[in-house]
Amino acid sequence: MTEATPLPRYAVIGNPIAHSRSPEIHAMFSRQTSKPLRYERLLAPVDGFAQAVAAFVAEGGLGLNVTVPFKLDAYALAAGRLSSRARLAGAVNTLSWRDGAWHGCNTDGVGLVSDLLRLGVRLAGASVLVIGAGGAARGVLQPLADAGCARLHIVNRTAARAEELAAAWRASGVSPQTQVTAGALTDAATADGWNLVVNATASGLQNAAPDLPRGLYAAGAAGYDMMYGARPTAFMKQAEADGAALTADGLGMLVGQAAESFFIWHGVRPDPAPVLAALREALVAGR
């Protein structure tokens, strides 16, 4: 009797990691596409990312989703083998072991854009307000520009950080057709309103919304929070009260970025819709 061939091994690495829904998502993608795999949570010490990844490879690991606080560590690990999305984002959330080395990509922005399109948000020619100037904001600029957004305005509690991000983007020379500007939270308003407002801050962790002026939303505009929960987030409530025609949280973005990672690893693009529906049901039920 011969031993069964071990399943291809993947994981999500972070600290903390127990809350991650990535194993559920990839298990559903696996069943949907008939691609058998083993996918687990990998808790790494905050100062032990490289050692944890090396041990994972030694045990046959082929791919990693990377979450807080290791996206910059993953970027450094894959230096020289980065996708254009990862280089522009300045962070890596997807690592692939190929030819004896780690290759890095960033799928967060692709996940956001795919979910916005699913929701029916028109991005071609759109004026978009991005709240926050950290890694989450940086990771979505290129995909939003590639989707045809005409203007991206980045605001942050510390205006200098927003200005720095906008300047770095302009210096990259990518998507020159998209105007990228920046300012403070108090600079968030514009005369005609925004077609889309994206909350890329972690304010939802404190069940709070960013301190924004009123009158941000153009007719038919959308408010999108990268955070998600069983109930509408504080930002979603704020957006609805300020006139947003559509509000959504980031659960669809989570599934969308995972679908892109799955495609990178397996060459098959799963359908995120039934996975998103199952996750939403579980979230509402408290599972």
Protein backbone atom coordinates (compact mmCIF):
# COMPACT_ATOMS: atom_id res chain seq x y z
CA MET A 1 0.00 0.00 0.00
CA THR A 2 1.37 3.41 -0.96
CA GLU A 3 0.99 6.53 1.13
CA ALA A 4 -1.53 9.09 -0.04
CA THR A 5 -0.01 12.14 -1.73
CA PRO A 6 0.03 15.00 0.76
CA LEU A 7 -2.30 17.88 -0.05
CA PRO A 8 -0.73 21.13 -1.30
CA ARG A 9 -0.23 23.26 1.78
CA TYR A 10 -1.25 26.92 2.21
CA ALA A 11 -1.90 29.17 5.19
CA VAL A 12 -2.72 32.64 6.44
CA ILE A 13 -0.02 34.09 8.67
CA GLY A 14 -0.52 36.87 11.20
CA ASN A 15 -0.61 37.88 14.86
CA PRO A 16 -3.34 37.59 16.06
CA ILE A 17 -4.76 35.03 13.65
CA ALA A 18 -7.47 33.00 15.41
CA HIS A 19 -10.19 35.30 14.05
CA SER A 20 -9.20 34.85 10.39
CA ARG A 21 -11.89 33.52 8.05
CA SER A 22 -9.37 32.71 5.31
CA PRO A 23 -9.41 28.93 6.00
CA GLU A 24 -13.20 28.86 5.54
CA ILE A 25 -12.96 30.91 2.36
CA HIS A 26 -10.25 28.79 0.75
CA ALA A 27 -11.96 25.56 1.79
CA MET A 28 -15.09 26.73 -0.07
CA PHE A 29 -13.02 27.78 -3.09
CA SER A 30 -11.34 24.35 -3.01
CA ARG A 31 -14.66 22.50 -3.10
CA GLN A 32 -16.03 24.80 -5.77
CA THR A 33 -13.06 24.36 -8.13
CA SER A 34 -12.18 20.71 -7.26
CA LYS A 35 -8.69 21.81 -6.24
CA PRO A 36 -7.78 19.79 -3.10
CA LEU A 37 -5.61 21.67 -0.63
CA ARG A 38 -4.72 22.06 3.02
CA TYR A 39 -5.16 25.59 4.37
CA GLU A 40 -4.53 26.60 7.97
CA ARG A 41 -3.92 29.51 10.31
CA LEU A 42 -0.30 30.20 11.18
CA LEU A 43 0.42 32.29 14.28
CA ALA A 44 3.88 33.85 14.11
CA PRO A 45 5.68 35.77 16.86
CA VAL A 46 5.68 39.50 16.12
CA ASP A 47 9.47 39.38 15.76
CA GLY A 48 9.58 35.92 14.20
CA PHE A 49 8.00 36.24 10.74
CA ALA A 50 11.02 35.11 8.71
CA GLN A 51 11.62 32.07 10.92
CA ALA A 52 7.95 31.03 10.77
CA VAL A 53 7.90 31.33 6.99
CA ALA A 54 11.13 29.34 6.66
CA ALA A 55 9.67 26.55 8.80
CA PHE A 56 6.50 26.61 6.67
CA VAL A 57 8.53 26.12 3.47
CA ALA A 58 10.57 23.34 5.07
CA GLU A 59 7.29 21.54 5.77
CA GLY A 60 6.17 21.82 2.14
CA GLY A 61 4.31 25.13 2.21
CA LEU A 62 3.51 26.64 -1.18
CA GLY A 63 1.63 29.86 -0.46
CA LEU A 64 0.75 32.31 2.28
CA ASN A 65 -1.85 34.98 2.76
CA VAL A 66 -0.28 37.65 4.94
CA THR A 67 -2.19 39.80 7.41
CA VAL A 68 -1.43 42.21 10.25
CA PRO A 69 1.31 42.95 11.20
CA PHE A 70 3.46 41.24 8.57
CA LYS A 71 2.65 42.80 5.18
CA LEU A 72 5.82 44.90 5.21
CA ASP A 73 7.89 41.90 6.33
CA ALA A 74 6.46 39.94 3.41
CA TYR A 75 7.34 42.81 1.08
CA ALA A 76 10.95 42.68 2.26
CA LEU A 77 11.05 38.89 2.01
CA ALA A 78 9.98 38.96 -1.65
CA ALA A 79 12.13 41.95 -2.65
CA GLY A 80 13.19 41.60 -6.27
CA ARG A 81 10.28 39.23 -6.98
CA LEU A 82 7.35 41.62 -6.53
CA SER A 83 4.38 42.20 -8.79
CA SER A 84 3.70 45.76 -9.95
CA ARG A 85 0.68 45.83 -7.63
CA ALA A 86 2.88 44.93 -4.66
CA ARG A 87 5.55 47.50 -5.56
CA LEU A 88 3.00 50.29 -5.81
CA ALA A 89 1.20 49.18 -2.65
CA GLY A 90 4.46 48.95 -0.72
CA ALA A 91 3.13 45.80 0.96
CA VAL A 92 2.51 42.12 0.21
CA ASN A 93 -0.51 40.08 1.25
CA THR A 94 0.08 37.05 -1.00
CA LEU A 95 3.27 35.01 -1.09
CA SER A 96 3.89 32.23 -3.62
CA TRP A 97 6.80 29.77 -3.40
CA ARG A 98 8.20 29.30 -6.92
CA ASP A 99 11.63 28.29 -8.20
CA GLY A 100 13.07 28.19 -4.72
CA ALA A 101 12.03 31.71 -3.72
CA TRP A 102 9.08 33.71 -2.45
CA HIS A 103 7.20 35.91 -4.92
CA GLY A 104 4.96 38.67 -3.59
CA CYS A 105 1.73 40.25 -4.75
CA ASN A 106 -0.94 42.49 -3.25
CA THR A 107 -4.55 41.53 -3.97
CA ASP A 108 -6.33 43.92 -1.57
CA GLY A 109 -7.12 46.54 -4.20
CA VAL A 110 -8.32 43.95 -6.69
CA GLY A 111 -10.63 42.64 -3.98
CA LEU A 112 -12.03 46.12 -3.35
CA VAL A 113 -12.63 46.87 -7.03
CA SER A 114 -14.27 43.50 -7.70
CA ASP A 115 -16.65 44.04 -4.79
CA LEU A 116 -17.50 47.58 -5.87
CA LEU A 117 -18.32 46.33 -9.35
CA ARG A 118 -20.43 43.54 -7.83
CA LEU A 119 -22.37 46.21 -5.95
CA GLY A 120 -22.96 48.14 -9.17
CA VAL A 121 -20.70 51.09 -8.29
CA ARG A 122 -19.56 52.87 -11.46
CA LEU A 123 -15.83 53.56 -11.29
CA ALA A 124 -15.16 54.85 -14.81
CA GLY A 125 -14.78 58.61 -14.50
CA ALA A 126 -15.59 58.55 -10.77
CA SER A 127 -14.36 61.01 -8.16
CA VAL A 128 -13.29 59.02 -5.11
CA LEU A 129 -12.48 60.10 -1.56
CA VAL A 130 -10.11 57.74 0.26
CA ILE A 131 -10.00 58.17 4.05
CA GLY A 132 -6.72 57.06 5.59
CA ALA A 133 -3.12 57.06 4.39
CA GLY A 134 -1.79 53.77 5.71
CA GLY A 135 -1.15 50.47 3.98
CA ALA A 136 -4.83 49.80 3.33
CA ALA A 137 -5.19 53.04 1.39
CA ARG A 138 -1.90 52.63 -0.45
CA GLY A 139 -2.89 49.16 -1.61
CA VAL A 140 -6.06 50.26 -3.40
CA LEU A 141 -4.86 53.32 -5.36
CA GLN A 142 -3.57 51.50 -8.45
CA PRO A 143 -6.58 49.18 -8.85
CA LEU A 144 -8.96 52.13 -8.47
CA ALA A 145 -6.98 54.09 -11.06
CA ASP A 146 -6.87 51.07 -13.38
CA ALA A 147 -10.66 50.81 -13.05
CA GLY A 148 -10.93 54.27 -14.60
CA CYS A 149 -11.43 56.57 -11.60
CA ALA A 150 -10.79 60.15 -12.70
CA ARG A 151 -9.80 61.54 -9.31
CA LEU A 152 -8.59 60.09 -6.02
CA HIS A 153 -8.43 62.44 -3.04
CA ILE A 154 -6.68 61.06 0.05
CA VAL A 155 -7.47 62.57 3.45
CA ASN A 156 -6.00 61.65 6.80
CA ARG A 157 -6.08 62.84 10.39
CA THR A 158 -2.42 63.77 9.85
CA ALA A 159 -2.53 65.61 6.55
CA ALA A 160 1.23 65.25 5.98
CA ARG A 161 0.85 61.48 5.67
CA ALA A 162 -1.83 61.88 3.03
CA GLU A 163 0.32 64.39 1.14
CA GLU A 164 3.28 62.02 1.30
CA LEU A 165 1.23 59.15 -0.12
CA ALA A 166 -0.18 61.30 -2.93
CA ALA A 167 3.27 62.63 -3.81
CA ALA A 168 4.73 59.10 -3.91
CA TRP A 169 1.92 57.99 -6.20
CA ARG A 170 2.42 60.93 -8.58
CA ALA A 171 6.18 60.30 -8.64
CA SER A 172 5.57 56.68 -9.68
CA GLY A 173 4.22 57.89 -13.03
CA VAL A 174 1.56 55.17 -13.00
CA SER A 175 -1.93 55.98 -14.34
CA PRO A 176 -1.21 59.66 -15.06
CA GLN A 177 -4.79 60.00 -16.30
CA THR A 178 -5.99 59.77 -12.67
CA GLN A 179 -5.61 62.94 -10.62
CA VAL A 180 -4.37 62.16 -7.10
CA THR A 181 -4.58 64.86 -4.42
CA ALA A 182 -4.47 64.94 -0.63
CA GLY A 183 -5.36 66.88 2.48
CA ALA A 184 -6.68 66.76 6.03
CA LEU A 185 -10.00 65.27 7.14
CA THR A 186 -11.38 68.81 7.18
CA ASP A 187 -10.54 69.04 3.46
CA ALA A 188 -12.78 66.09 2.60
CA ALA A 189 -15.68 68.05 1.12
CA THR A 190 -15.92 69.06 -2.54
CA ALA A 191 -18.48 71.25 -4.26
CA ASP A 192 -20.02 68.53 -6.41
CA GLY A 193 -19.69 65.69 -3.88
CA TRP A 194 -17.90 62.37 -4.27
CA ASN A 195 -19.18 59.40 -6.27
CA LEU A 196 -17.50 57.03 -3.83
CA VAL A 197 -16.10 57.42 -0.32
CA VAL A 198 -13.85 54.60 0.95
CA ASN A 199 -12.98 54.28 4.63
CA ALA A 200 -9.49 52.76 4.73
CA THR A 201 -8.97 53.49 8.43
CA ALA A 202 -9.37 51.11 11.36
CA SER A 203 -11.87 53.40 13.09
CA GLY A 204 -14.39 50.57 13.10
CA LEU A 205 -12.30 48.68 15.65
CA GLN A 206 -13.41 51.33 18.17
CA ASN A 207 -16.94 51.31 16.75
CA ALA A 208 -16.34 54.86 15.59
CA ALA A 209 -16.49 56.74 12.30
CA PRO A 210 -13.82 59.16 11.04
CA ASP A 211 -14.39 62.81 11.97
CA LEU A 212 -15.64 64.00 8.59
CA PRO A 213 -17.53 67.09 7.45
CA ARG A 214 -21.05 66.63 6.13
CA GLY A 215 -22.15 66.92 2.51
CA LEU A 216 -19.62 64.49 1.04
CA TYR A 217 -21.87 62.45 -1.23
CA ALA A 218 -22.97 63.24 -4.78
CA ALA A 219 -26.34 61.97 -5.98
CA GLY A 220 -26.32 58.17 -6.18
CA ALA A 221 -22.94 57.93 -4.39
CA ALA A 222 -21.64 55.00 -2.35
CA GLY A 223 -19.90 54.75 1.01
CA TYR A 224 -17.65 51.70 1.49
CA ASP A 225 -16.00 50.61 4.74
CA MET A 226 -13.06 48.19 4.49
CA MET A 227 -13.98 46.92 7.96
CA TYR A 228 -16.89 44.49 8.30
CA GLY A 229 -19.20 43.11 10.93
CA ALA A 230 -22.54 41.46 11.62
CA ARG A 231 -24.23 44.87 11.64
CA PRO A 232 -23.66 48.10 9.70
CA THR A 233 -20.45 49.80 10.80
CA ALA A 234 -20.31 53.27 12.34
CA PHE A 235 -18.94 54.61 9.05
CA MET A 236 -21.81 53.05 7.08
CA LYS A 237 -24.32 54.71 9.42
CA GLN A 238 -22.50 58.01 9.03
CA ALA A 239 -22.50 57.69 5.24
CA GLU A 240 -26.20 56.88 5.08
CA ALA A 241 -27.04 59.84 7.32
CA ASP A 242 -24.96 62.07 5.04
CA GLY A 243 -26.85 61.04 1.91
CA ALA A 244 -25.04 58.01 0.51
CA ALA A 245 -27.39 56.04 -1.75
CA LEU A 246 -25.49 52.79 -1.10
CA THR A 247 -23.38 51.62 1.83
CA ALA A 248 -21.39 48.42 2.18
CA ASP A 249 -18.80 46.86 4.44
CA GLY A 250 -15.58 45.08 3.50
CA LEU A 251 -16.64 41.44 3.69
CA GLY A 252 -16.90 41.30 -0.10
CA MET A 253 -13.43 42.81 -0.38
CA LEU A 254 -12.09 40.08 1.92
CA VAL A 255 -13.58 37.37 -0.29
CA GLY A 256 -12.47 39.16 -3.46
CA GLN A 257 -8.84 39.46 -2.42
CA ALA A 258 -8.86 35.79 -1.39
CA ALA A 259 -10.26 34.82 -4.81
CA GLU A 260 -7.40 36.67 -6.49
CA SER A 261 -4.86 34.88 -4.25
CA PHE A 262 -6.49 31.56 -5.12
CA PHE A 263 -6.17 32.40 -8.81
CA ILE A 264 -2.48 33.29 -8.42
CA TRP A 265 -1.76 29.98 -6.70
CA HIS A 266 -3.96 27.59 -8.67
CA GLY A 267 -4.63 29.23 -12.04
CA VAL A 268 -8.39 28.90 -11.52
CA ARG A 269 -10.64 31.86 -10.70
CA PRO A 270 -13.34 30.88 -8.19
CA ASP A 271 -16.78 32.47 -8.00
CA PRO A 272 -16.81 34.66 -4.87
CA ALA A 273 -20.61 35.14 -4.79
CA PRO A 274 -21.68 31.91 -3.02
CA VAL A 275 -18.73 32.15 -0.62
CA LEU A 276 -19.67 35.72 0.29
CA ALA A 277 -23.29 34.68 0.85
CA ALA A 278 -22.24 31.82 3.14
CA LEU A 279 -19.88 34.06 5.13
CA ARG A 280 -22.52 36.74 5.52
CA GLU A 281 -25.01 34.20 6.81
CA ALA A 282 -22.48 32.87 9.32
CA LEU A 283 -21.56 36.38 10.45
CA VAL A 284 -25.17 37.40 11.05
CA ALA A 285 -25.77 34.14 12.91
CA GLY A 286 -22.75 34.81 15.15
CA ARG A 287 -20.76 31.85 13.90
